Structures are given as C-alpha cells and as structure tokens.
Amino acid sequence: MEIISDKSIKVFLETAPLYSWQEFKMPEMNRSSLWINEIDSFCEKCNQKRPFQDMRSRGGGAGMPITSLSTGTSYFQFSCASCRGNQHAYLVEQLVTDETIKIQKYGERPRKKLERDPLLQSFFSHDSDCYEKAIVCISNGYGIAAFAYMRRIIERNINELINLIQEDISGTEKDSPVLANLEKLRAESPMSEKISIANQALPEYLIPEGLNPLGRLYKALSEGVHSYDDGQCLERAKNIQACIKYMISELATRKKNRDSFKSLIGGL
C-alpha cells in the first residue's frame, strides 16, 4: 500500500472517478491536512492543459497550534496559473485511522469530460450505444458494468477485428499459418480452445514483447463478471479497451503506410 503524499493526492484529484475510495498508509509524521499546492488540468479558457494552483490564503502563522489530519471532509480549489480565470474545485471525504487513510472524491466542478477515442468510436460505429455506456461506466468507476459492456462489445465485433487482421496479413503473407488459425476462431468450439488458438493467431508485429492482445481478448470473453470485484472488473475493462485500440491503431498505421508506398511507387 502506497504512503499518502502530495504526489498521490495530486494523482487522485486528477484521475479518480467520483465515489470511488482509495486507501493509503499514513506517513510516520501525520499530515495536518490533505492540502496540496498544485494540480495539472485542462483550462477551458486557455484551451490547453495548464498548472492549476491553490491561491487561497492558508491562514495560521507563528504560535498557531498544528493540528493532525482527522476523519472528515476537505475542500480543494485551484485556479489556472496562466489566466487565473478558470477554477477547478473538489470535495473529498477522508477516513483516518492510526495506520491508514481512505479518501473519496464526492464532488468535482466542472464536471470531467468523458474521453472518447476517435479510432474506437469509428470501429464500434455499429455498436455505439454499448460503447458509450462502457465509457461512462469506466469514467465513473463502475467496474462490473464496464466489464459487462466491454465483453458484449467484443462478442459483437470480434469477427470484424479478425477480418482486419486477415486483410493485413493477406497483403504481405498469403501463405502465413496465422491465416488458418484466424479461420479456426470463427468455428464453433469451446472457449478454452479459442483462447489457445488466439494466442497463435497473430503475426509477430502485433505481439509486443510476447504479449498477445487477441488471446487476452478471448480470455476476457471466458471470464464472468461474478468472478471479480468491482475494482478488478474495472481494470479488465480498461485492458480490453487497450488491447482493441492497440491492434486497430497498428493495423490502420500499416495499411496507411502500405497504401502510401504503393501510391508513391506507382507514380515512378
């Protein structure tokens, strides 16, 4: 378990979804508060990411008693260090014991915008409703729901992903044994067999450092939401999204480069 620090509080405020708890070890010397000086966030006025600083007077001074952090609530307010006009505020609840502190963000202004990947939006255009729900669940830390939606998206789009991989391989390696394995994935068979086949159904250039993203997608299809807690489901939902994005982006880049090369050579 990580010891709470200014850095961990900064990351928590910047990235933690609402109503999710994070637990930390208390430092050897208790903090007097959760206050930190600065975070990084997007400024709507500057239209770019900027440092945001707490510019409020902290009060206190010589002779004032130093209190220890205790169970309760904390309020954070930061202003853009550049324009000073854009403010971000957070409400945090803390539960403090002698050894640990749990913190939960229960308020945030302005509301965090949901990030949608254009590449995945395009790929899931026929399944946009499920993808949108998955993004909302991931952003708000609803792990079980996020995992369920992402698994459904894989089930509905896995053959389209196989088509893209086959198209890419066929353009350069028509006799590749990987093509036969990809065809096997379309056949009706137990999921355990599909996982084994999927781990042999990608060319080397789509397997970074031995990590097979297609095999991991099929493994995710075999896992039920009842097997994991909310945090584990959330992590798996994010991993599913990362695997799909990696393969689609790699395939798109290869196709673009191949088409560009053919166009250039064709003009000679």
C-alpha atoms as a PDB file:
ATOM      1  CA  MET A   1       0.000   0.000   0.000  1.00  0.00           C
ATOM      2  CA  GLU A   2       1.342   3.427  -1.001  1.00  0.00           C
ATOM      3  CA  ILE A   3       2.119   6.053   1.630  1.00  0.00           C
ATOM      4  CA  ILE A   4      -0.029   9.138   1.140  1.00  0.00           C
ATOM      5  CA  SER A   5       1.909  12.095  -0.235  1.00  0.00           C
ATOM      6  CA  ASP A   6       1.391  15.314  -2.157  1.00  0.00           C
ATOM      7  CA  LYS A   7       2.035  13.364  -5.366  1.00  0.00           C
ATOM      8  CA  SER A   8      -0.550  10.655  -4.595  1.00  0.00           C
ATOM      9  CA  ILE A   9      -3.157  13.276  -3.632  1.00  0.00           C
ATOM     10  CA  LYS A  10      -2.445  15.143  -6.888  1.00  0.00           C
ATOM     11  CA  VAL A  11      -2.925  11.982  -8.979  1.00  0.00           C
ATOM     12  CA  PHE A  12      -6.082  11.147  -7.018  1.00  0.00           C
ATOM     13  CA  LEU A  13      -7.656  14.559  -7.644  1.00  0.00           C
ATOM     14  CA  GLU A  14      -6.715  14.494 -11.341  1.00  0.00           C
ATOM     15  CA  THR A  15      -7.793  10.950 -12.181  1.00  0.00           C
ATOM     16  CA  ALA A  16     -10.009   9.270  -9.573  1.00  0.00           C
ATOM     17  CA  PRO A  17     -13.669   8.804 -10.566  1.00  0.00           C
ATOM     18  CA  LEU A  18     -16.390  10.138  -8.288  1.00  0.00           C
ATOM     19  CA  TYR A  19     -17.439   7.981  -5.326  1.00  0.00           C
ATOM     20  CA  SER A  20     -14.500   5.590  -5.566  1.00  0.00           C
ATOM     21  CA  TRP A  21     -12.336   5.018  -2.491  1.00  0.00           C
ATOM     22  CA  GLN A  22      -8.551   4.817  -2.392  1.00  0.00           C
ATOM     23  CA  GLU A  23      -6.629   3.680   0.670  1.00  0.00           C
ATOM     24  CA  PHE A  24      -3.113   4.785   1.674  1.00  0.00           C
ATOM     25  CA  LYS A  25      -0.687   4.240   4.520  1.00  0.00           C
ATOM     26  CA  MET A  26      -0.249   7.116   6.904  1.00  0.00           C
ATOM     27  CA  PRO A  27       3.234   8.697   6.908  1.00  0.00           C
ATOM     28  CA  GLU A  28       5.393   8.401  10.021  1.00  0.00           C
ATOM     29  CA  MET A  29       4.570  12.012  10.811  1.00  0.00           C
ATOM     30  CA  ASN A  30       0.848  12.708  10.365  1.00  0.00           C
ATOM     31  CA  ARG A  31      -0.140  15.447   7.928  1.00  0.00           C
ATOM     32  CA  SER A  32      -2.038  18.433   9.213  1.00  0.00           C
ATOM     33  CA  SER A  33      -4.306  18.355   6.139  1.00  0.00           C
ATOM     34  CA  LEU A  34      -4.680  16.957   2.606  1.00  0.00           C
ATOM     35  CA  TRP A  35      -3.855  20.380   1.149  1.00  0.00           C
ATOM     36  CA  ILE A  36      -1.538  20.472  -1.875  1.00  0.00           C
ATOM     37  CA  ASN A  37      -0.400  23.478  -3.849  1.00  0.00           C
ATOM     38  CA  GLU A  38      -0.895  22.407  -7.461  1.00  0.00           C
ATOM     39  CA  ILE A  39      -2.529  20.019  -9.933  1.00  0.00           C
ATOM     40  CA  ASP A  40      -2.488  19.813 -13.738  1.00  0.00           C
ATOM     41  CA  SER A  41      -5.765  20.077 -15.623  1.00  0.00           C
ATOM     42  CA  PHE A  42      -7.350  21.325 -18.829  1.00  0.00           C
ATOM     43  CA  CYS A  43      -8.169  25.035 -18.833  1.00  0.00           C
ATOM     44  CA  GLU A  44     -11.266  25.840 -20.856  1.00  0.00           C
ATOM     45  CA  LYS A  45     -10.163  29.470 -21.277  1.00  0.00           C
ATOM     46  CA  CYS A  46      -6.580  28.751 -22.320  1.00  0.00           C
ATOM     47  CA  ASN A  47      -7.846  25.729 -24.300  1.00  0.00           C
ATOM     48  CA  GLN A  48      -4.935  23.559 -23.189  1.00  0.00           C
ATOM     49  CA  LYS A  49      -3.577  21.693 -20.192  1.00  0.00           C
ATOM     50  CA  ARG A  50      -2.190  24.047 -17.555  1.00  0.00           C
ATOM     51  CA  PRO A  51      -0.926  24.026 -13.954  1.00  0.00           C
ATOM     52  CA  PHE A  52      -3.719  24.924 -11.522  1.00  0.00           C
ATOM     53  CA  GLN A  53      -2.698  26.368  -8.152  1.00  0.00           C
ATOM     54  CA  ASP A  54      -4.421  26.917  -4.815  1.00  0.00           C
ATOM     55  CA  MET A  55      -4.176  30.692  -4.464  1.00  0.00           C
ATOM     56  CA  ARG A  56      -6.216  30.989  -1.284  1.00  0.00           C
ATOM     57  CA  SER A  57      -4.697  32.309   1.918  1.00  0.00           C
ATOM     58  CA  ARG A  58      -3.901  29.414   4.241  1.00  0.00           C
ATOM     59  CA  GLY A  59      -4.049  31.460   7.468  1.00  0.00           C
ATOM     60  CA  GLY A  60      -2.127  30.306  10.537  1.00  0.00           C
ATOM     61  CA  GLY A  61       1.285  31.673  11.448  1.00  0.00           C
ATOM     62  CA  ALA A  62       3.773  31.646  14.284  1.00  0.00           C
ATOM     63  CA  GLY A  63       2.341  30.443  17.558  1.00  0.00           C
ATOM     64  CA  MET A  64      -0.704  28.785  15.987  1.00  0.00           C
ATOM     65  CA  PRO A  65      -1.273  25.160  17.101  1.00  0.00           C
ATOM     66  CA  ILE A  66      -0.606  22.460  14.479  1.00  0.00           C
ATOM     67  CA  THR A  67      -3.488  20.006  14.235  1.00  0.00           C
ATOM     68  CA  SER A  68      -3.303  16.456  12.860  1.00  0.00           C
ATOM     69  CA  LEU A  69      -5.352  15.218   9.950  1.00  0.00           C
ATOM     70  CA  SER A  70      -8.575  13.595  11.154  1.00  0.00           C
ATOM     71  CA  THR A  71     -11.697  11.967   9.732  1.00  0.00           C
ATOM     72  CA  GLY A  72     -13.917  14.499   7.973  1.00  0.00           C
ATOM     73  CA  THR A  73     -14.083  16.350   4.674  1.00  0.00           C
ATOM     74  CA  SER A  74     -11.695  18.541   2.676  1.00  0.00           C
ATOM     75  CA  TYR A  75     -12.342  21.210   0.073  1.00  0.00           C
ATOM     76  CA  PHE A  76      -9.878  21.955  -2.728  1.00  0.00           C
ATOM     77  CA  GLN A  77      -9.946  24.970  -5.042  1.00  0.00           C
ATOM     78  CA  PHE A  78      -7.400  25.593  -7.778  1.00  0.00           C
ATOM     79  CA  SER A  79      -7.092  28.422 -10.327  1.00  0.00           C
ATOM     80  CA  CYS A  80      -5.320  28.295 -13.682  1.00  0.00           C
ATOM     81  CA  ALA A  81      -1.787  29.620 -13.130  1.00  0.00           C
ATOM     82  CA  SER A  82      -1.881  31.338 -16.539  1.00  0.00           C
ATOM     83  CA  CYS A  83      -5.262  33.043 -16.944  1.00  0.00           C
ATOM     84  CA  ARG A  84      -6.341  32.951 -13.270  1.00  0.00           C
ATOM     85  CA  GLY A  85      -9.911  32.932 -14.520  1.00  0.00           C
ATOM     86  CA  ASN A  86     -10.659  29.200 -14.724  1.00  0.00           C
ATOM     87  CA  GLN A  87     -11.204  27.350 -11.443  1.00  0.00           C
ATOM     88  CA  HIS A  88     -11.492  23.676 -10.535  1.00  0.00           C
ATOM     89  CA  ALA A  89     -12.906  22.557  -7.181  1.00  0.00           C
ATOM     90  CA  TYR A  90     -13.097  19.181  -5.423  1.00  0.00           C
ATOM     91  CA  LEU A  91     -14.857  17.773  -2.366  1.00  0.00           C
ATOM     92  CA  VAL A  92     -13.110  14.876  -0.629  1.00  0.00           C
ATOM     93  CA  GLU A  93     -14.123  12.718   2.308  1.00  0.00           C
ATOM     94  CA  GLN A  94     -11.354  11.177   4.418  1.00  0.00           C
ATOM     95  CA  LEU A  95     -11.489   8.315   6.938  1.00  0.00           C
ATOM     96  CA  VAL A  96      -8.397   8.377   9.148  1.00  0.00           C
ATOM     97  CA  THR A  97      -7.002   5.682  11.454  1.00  0.00           C
ATOM     98  CA  ASP A  98      -3.616   5.442  13.160  1.00  0.00           C
ATOM     99  CA  GLU A  99      -2.239   3.457  10.231  1.00  0.00           C
ATOM    100  CA  THR A 100      -4.313   4.256   7.129  1.00  0.00           C
ATOM    101  CA  ILE A 101      -6.328   6.946   5.386  1.00  0.00           C
ATOM    102  CA  LYS A 102      -9.120   6.292   2.887  1.00  0.00           C
ATOM    103  CA  ILE A 103     -10.198   9.123   0.624  1.00  0.00           C
ATOM    104  CA  GLN A 104     -13.183   9.504  -1.687  1.00  0.00           C
ATOM    105  CA  LYS A 105     -13.900  12.256  -4.184  1.00  0.00           C
ATOM    106  CA  TYR A 106     -17.606  13.044  -3.824  1.00  0.00           C
ATOM    107  CA  GLY A 107     -17.757  16.321  -5.707  1.00  0.00           C
ATOM    108  CA  GLU A 108     -15.993  17.875  -8.721  1.00  0.00           C
ATOM    109  CA  ARG A 109     -16.521  21.122 -10.627  1.00  0.00           C
ATOM    110  CA  PRO A 110     -16.522  21.482 -13.578  1.00  0.00           C
ATOM    111  CA  ARG A 111     -17.737  18.003 -14.416  1.00  0.00           C
ATOM    112  CA  LYS A 112     -14.987  15.966 -16.034  1.00  0.00           C
ATOM    113  CA  LYS A 113     -15.468  15.455 -19.766  1.00  0.00           C
ATOM    114  CA  LEU A 114     -15.571  11.868 -20.919  1.00  0.00           C
ATOM    115  CA  GLU A 115     -12.703  10.975 -23.221  1.00  0.00           C
ATOM    116  CA  ARG A 116     -13.716   9.043 -26.326  1.00  0.00           C
ATOM    117  CA  ASP A 117     -11.128   7.578 -28.643  1.00  0.00           C
ATOM    118  CA  PRO A 118     -11.940   8.520 -32.280  1.00  0.00           C
ATOM    119  CA  LEU A 119     -10.411   5.280 -33.587  1.00  0.00           C
ATOM    120  CA  LEU A 120     -12.566   3.109 -31.320  1.00  0.00           C
ATOM    121  CA  GLN A 121     -15.643   5.240 -31.968  1.00  0.00           C
ATOM    122  CA  SER A 122     -15.228   4.564 -35.675  1.00  0.00           C
ATOM    123  CA  PHE A 123     -14.627   0.830 -35.204  1.00  0.00           C
ATOM    124  CA  PHE A 124     -17.645   0.488 -32.901  1.00  0.00           C
ATOM    125  CA  SER A 125     -19.892   2.701 -35.034  1.00  0.00           C
ATOM    126  CA  HIS A 126     -22.474  -0.107 -35.321  1.00  0.00           C
ATOM    127  CA  ASP A 127     -22.325  -0.642 -31.560  1.00  0.00           C
ATOM    128  CA  SER A 128     -22.036   2.967 -30.430  1.00  0.00           C
ATOM    129  CA  ASP A 129     -24.706   2.692 -27.718  1.00  0.00           C
ATOM    130  CA  CYS A 130     -22.828  -0.064 -25.858  1.00  0.00           C
ATOM    131  CA  TYR A 131     -19.505   1.702 -26.316  1.00  0.00           C
ATOM    132  CA  GLU A 132     -20.911   4.947 -24.935  1.00  0.00           C
ATOM    133  CA  LYS A 133     -22.279   3.131 -21.880  1.00  0.00           C
ATOM    134  CA  ALA A 134     -18.941   1.379 -21.374  1.00  0.00           C
ATOM    135  CA  ILE A 135     -17.098   4.744 -21.451  1.00  0.00           C
ATOM    136  CA  VAL A 136     -19.500   6.239 -18.895  1.00  0.00           C
ATOM    137  CA  CYS A 137     -19.045   3.238 -16.586  1.00  0.00           C
ATOM    138  CA  ILE A 138     -15.241   3.292 -16.897  1.00  0.00           C
ATOM    139  CA  SER A 139     -15.104   7.044 -16.248  1.00  0.00           C
ATOM    140  CA  ASN A 140     -17.241   6.725 -13.120  1.00  0.00           C
ATOM    141  CA  GLY A 141     -15.534   3.618 -11.766  1.00  0.00           C
ATOM    142  CA  TYR A 142     -18.488   1.253 -12.256  1.00  0.00           C
ATOM    143  CA  GLY A 143     -16.236  -1.732 -12.893  1.00  0.00           C
ATOM    144  CA  ILE A 144     -18.728  -4.599 -13.088  1.00  0.00           C
ATOM    145  CA  ALA A 145     -20.956  -2.736 -15.541  1.00  0.00           C
ATOM    146  CA  ALA A 146     -17.952  -1.540 -17.592  1.00  0.00           C
ATOM    147  CA  PHE A 147     -16.601  -5.079 -17.882  1.00  0.00           C
ATOM    148  CA  ALA A 148     -20.004  -6.440 -18.908  1.00  0.00           C
ATOM    149  CA  TYR A 149     -20.401  -3.816 -21.642  1.00  0.00           C
ATOM    150  CA  MET A 150     -16.856  -4.276 -22.952  1.00  0.00           C
ATOM    151  CA  ARG A 151     -17.304  -8.064 -23.113  1.00  0.00           C
ATOM    152  CA  ARG A 152     -20.514  -7.592 -25.081  1.00  0.00           C
ATOM    153  CA  ILE A 153     -18.716  -5.249 -27.482  1.00  0.00           C
ATOM    154  CA  ILE A 154     -16.006  -7.872 -28.090  1.00  0.00           C
ATOM    155  CA  GLU A 155     -18.606 -10.580 -28.747  1.00  0.00           C
ATOM    156  CA  ARG A 156     -20.321  -8.416 -31.354  1.00  0.00           C
ATOM    157  CA  ASN A 157     -17.169  -7.116 -33.063  1.00  0.00           C
ATOM    158  CA  ILE A 158     -14.558  -9.865 -32.756  1.00  0.00           C
ATOM    159  CA  ASN A 159     -15.182 -11.154 -36.296  1.00  0.00           C
ATOM    160  CA  GLU A 160     -14.722  -7.664 -37.716  1.00  0.00           C
ATOM    161  CA  LEU A 161     -11.392  -7.465 -35.888  1.00  0.00           C
ATOM    162  CA  ILE A 162     -10.403 -10.850 -37.349  1.00  0.00           C
ATOM    163  CA  ASN A 163     -11.305  -9.516 -40.814  1.00  0.00           C
ATOM    164  CA  LEU A 164      -8.931  -6.580 -40.361  1.00  0.00           C
ATOM    165  CA  ILE A 165      -6.090  -8.845 -39.237  1.00  0.00           C
ATOM    166  CA  GLN A 166      -6.666 -11.246 -42.157  1.00  0.00           C
ATOM    167  CA  GLU A 167      -6.746  -8.389 -44.639  1.00  0.00           C
ATOM    168  CA  ASP A 168      -3.459  -7.037 -43.295  1.00  0.00           C
ATOM    169  CA  ILE A 169      -1.670 -10.410 -43.384  1.00  0.00           C
ATOM    170  CA  SER A 170      -3.048 -11.351 -46.813  1.00  0.00           C
ATOM    171  CA  GLY A 171      -1.489  -8.221 -48.279  1.00  0.00           C
ATOM    172  CA  THR A 172       2.027  -9.442 -47.463  1.00  0.00           C
ATOM    173  CA  GLU A 173       1.980 -13.107 -46.315  1.00  0.00           C
ATOM    174  CA  LYS A 174      -0.647 -15.056 -48.271  1.00  0.00           C
ATOM    175  CA  ASP A 175       0.707 -18.439 -47.079  1.00  0.00           C
ATOM    176  CA  SER A 176       1.047 -17.493 -43.420  1.00  0.00           C
ATOM    177  CA  PRO A 177      -0.160 -20.242 -40.997  1.00  0.00           C
ATOM    178  CA  VAL A 178      -1.651 -17.433 -38.918  1.00  0.00           C
ATOM    179  CA  LEU A 179      -4.442 -17.113 -41.523  1.00  0.00           C
ATOM    180  CA  ALA A 180      -5.554 -20.701 -40.880  1.00  0.00           C
ATOM    181  CA  ASN A 181      -5.675 -20.046 -37.130  1.00  0.00           C
ATOM    182  CA  LEU A 182      -7.778 -16.931 -37.683  1.00  0.00           C
ATOM    183  CA  GLU A 183     -10.285 -19.007 -39.662  1.00  0.00           C
ATOM    184  CA  LYS A 184     -10.442 -21.530 -36.811  1.00  0.00           C
ATOM    185  CA  LEU A 185     -11.541 -18.741 -34.458  1.00  0.00           C
ATOM    186  CA  ARG A 186     -14.744 -18.352 -36.489  1.00  0.00           C
ATOM    187  CA  ALA A 187     -15.673 -22.014 -35.982  1.00  0.00           C
ATOM    188  CA  GLU A 188     -17.869 -23.205 -33.115  1.00  0.00           C
ATOM    189  CA  SER A 189     -15.589 -24.574 -30.407  1.00  0.00           C
ATOM    190  CA  PRO A 190     -15.115 -24.409 -26.619  1.00  0.00           C
ATOM    191  CA  MET A 191     -13.760 -21.084 -25.374  1.00  0.00           C
ATOM    192  CA  SER A 192     -10.684 -22.811 -23.920  1.00  0.00           C
ATOM    193  CA  GLU A 193      -9.741 -23.922 -27.442  1.00  0.00           C
ATOM    194  CA  LYS A 194     -10.375 -20.460 -28.860  1.00  0.00           C
ATOM    195  CA  ILE A 195      -8.038 -18.901 -26.276  1.00  0.00           C
ATOM    196  CA  SER A 196      -5.293 -21.358 -27.243  1.00  0.00           C
ATOM    197  CA  ILE A 197      -5.817 -20.703 -30.969  1.00  0.00           C
ATOM    198  CA  ALA A 198      -5.981 -16.918 -30.482  1.00  0.00           C
ATOM    199  CA  ASN A 199      -2.577 -16.983 -28.820  1.00  0.00           C
ATOM    200  CA  GLN A 200      -1.193 -18.332 -32.117  1.00  0.00           C
ATOM    201  CA  ALA A 201      -3.325 -16.228 -34.446  1.00  0.00           C
ATOM    202  CA  LEU A 202      -1.339 -13.016 -34.657  1.00  0.00           C
ATOM    203  CA  PRO A 203       1.796 -12.104 -36.611  1.00  0.00           C
ATOM    204  CA  GLU A 204       4.855 -11.137 -34.574  1.00  0.00           C
ATOM    205  CA  TYR A 205       4.467  -7.434 -35.328  1.00  0.00           C
ATOM    206  CA  LEU A 206       1.171  -7.399 -33.379  1.00  0.00           C
ATOM    207  CA  ILE A 207       2.632  -9.142 -30.319  1.00  0.00           C
ATOM    208  CA  PRO A 208       4.674  -6.567 -28.345  1.00  0.00           C
ATOM    209  CA  GLU A 209       7.242  -8.293 -26.129  1.00  0.00           C
ATOM    210  CA  GLY A 210       5.355 -11.579 -26.318  1.00  0.00           C
ATOM    211  CA  LEU A 211       2.027 -10.117 -25.127  1.00  0.00           C
ATOM    212  CA  ASN A 212      -0.754 -11.401 -27.384  1.00  0.00           C
ATOM    213  CA  PRO A 213      -3.672  -8.925 -27.305  1.00  0.00           C
ATOM    214  CA  LEU A 214      -6.028 -11.197 -29.270  1.00  0.00           C
ATOM    215  CA  GLY A 215      -5.507 -14.049 -26.807  1.00  0.00           C
ATOM    216  CA  ARG A 216      -6.259 -11.667 -23.953  1.00  0.00           C
ATOM    217  CA  LEU A 217      -9.500 -10.579 -25.611  1.00  0.00           C
ATOM    218  CA  TYR A 218     -10.665 -14.185 -25.905  1.00  0.00           C
ATOM    219  CA  LYS A 219      -9.663 -14.800 -22.298  1.00  0.00           C
ATOM    220  CA  ALA A 220     -11.830 -11.823 -21.294  1.00  0.00           C
ATOM    221  CA  LEU A 221     -14.763 -13.415 -23.125  1.00  0.00           C
ATOM    222  CA  SER A 222     -14.365 -16.511 -20.947  1.00  0.00           C
ATOM    223  CA  GLU A 223     -14.464 -14.567 -17.676  1.00  0.00           C
ATOM    224  CA  GLY A 224     -17.736 -13.820 -15.914  1.00  0.00           C
ATOM    225  CA  VAL A 225     -18.397 -10.592 -14.028  1.00  0.00           C
ATOM    226  CA  HIS A 226     -19.301 -12.660 -10.960  1.00  0.00           C
ATOM    227  CA  SER A 227     -15.682 -13.834 -10.687  1.00  0.00           C
ATOM    228  CA  TYR A 228     -14.190 -10.457  -9.737  1.00  0.00           C
ATOM    229  CA  ASP A 229     -14.886  -7.485  -7.503  1.00  0.00           C
ATOM    230  CA  ASP A 230     -15.659  -4.018  -8.867  1.00  0.00           C
ATOM    231  CA  GLY A 231     -12.031  -2.881  -8.927  1.00  0.00           C
ATOM    232  CA  GLN A 232     -10.837  -5.994 -10.755  1.00  0.00           C
ATOM    233  CA  CYS A 233     -13.640  -5.678 -13.308  1.00  0.00           C
ATOM    234  CA  LEU A 234     -12.723  -2.037 -13.926  1.00  0.00           C
ATOM    235  CA  GLU A 235      -9.097  -2.975 -14.567  1.00  0.00           C
ATOM    236  CA  ARG A 236     -10.153  -5.704 -17.002  1.00  0.00           C
ATOM    237  CA  ALA A 237     -12.499  -3.346 -18.849  1.00  0.00           C
ATOM    238  CA  LYS A 238      -9.620  -0.893 -19.329  1.00  0.00           C
ATOM    239  CA  ASN A 239      -7.357  -3.717 -20.513  1.00  0.00           C
ATOM    240  CA  ILE A 240      -9.946  -4.830 -23.081  1.00  0.00           C
ATOM    241  CA  GLN A 241     -10.145  -1.290 -24.427  1.00  0.00           C
ATOM    242  CA  ALA A 242      -6.331  -1.040 -24.577  1.00  0.00           C
ATOM    243  CA  CYS A 243      -5.995  -4.373 -26.464  1.00  0.00           C
ATOM    244  CA  ILE A 244      -8.553  -3.416 -29.095  1.00  0.00           C
ATOM    245  CA  LYS A 245      -7.128   0.071 -29.525  1.00  0.00           C
ATOM    246  CA  TYR A 246      -3.583  -1.253 -29.919  1.00  0.00           C
ATOM    247  CA  MET A 247      -4.500  -3.721 -32.659  1.00  0.00           C
ATOM    248  CA  ILE A 248      -6.736  -1.328 -34.577  1.00  0.00           C
ATOM    249  CA  SER A 249      -4.194   1.507 -34.466  1.00  0.00           C
ATOM    250  CA  GLU A 250      -1.322  -0.778 -35.528  1.00  0.00           C
ATOM    251  CA  LEU A 251      -3.346  -2.231 -38.401  1.00  0.00           C
ATOM    252  CA  ALA A 252      -4.525   1.221 -39.514  1.00  0.00           C
ATOM    253  CA  THR A 253      -0.954   2.564 -39.492  1.00  0.00           C
ATOM    254  CA  ARG A 254       0.347  -0.392 -41.518  1.00  0.00           C
ATOM    255  CA  LYS A 255      -2.456  -0.001 -44.086  1.00  0.00           C
ATOM    256  CA  LYS A 256      -1.813   3.731 -44.396  1.00  0.00           C
ATOM    257  CA  ASN A 257       1.913   3.195 -44.888  1.00  0.00           C
ATOM    258  CA  ARG A 258       1.321   0.381 -47.380  1.00  0.00           C
ATOM    259  CA  ASP A 259      -1.157   2.446 -49.426  1.00  0.00           C
ATOM    260  CA  SER A 260       1.190   5.443 -49.370  1.00  0.00           C
ATOM    261  CA  PHE A 261       4.091   3.308 -50.554  1.00  0.00           C
ATOM    262  CA  LYS A 262       2.045   1.808 -53.407  1.00  0.00           C
ATOM    263  CA  SER A 263       0.938   5.264 -54.476  1.00  0.00           C
ATOM    264  CA  LEU A 264       4.495   6.585 -54.492  1.00  0.00           C
ATOM    265  CA  ILE A 265       5.932   3.588 -56.334  1.00  0.00           C
ATOM    266  CA  GLY A 266       3.045   3.591 -58.812  1.00  0.00           C
ATOM    267  CA  GLY A 267       3.942   7.146 -59.758  1.00  0.00           C
ATOM    268  CA  LEU A 268       7.540   6.303 -60.689  1.00  0.00           C
END
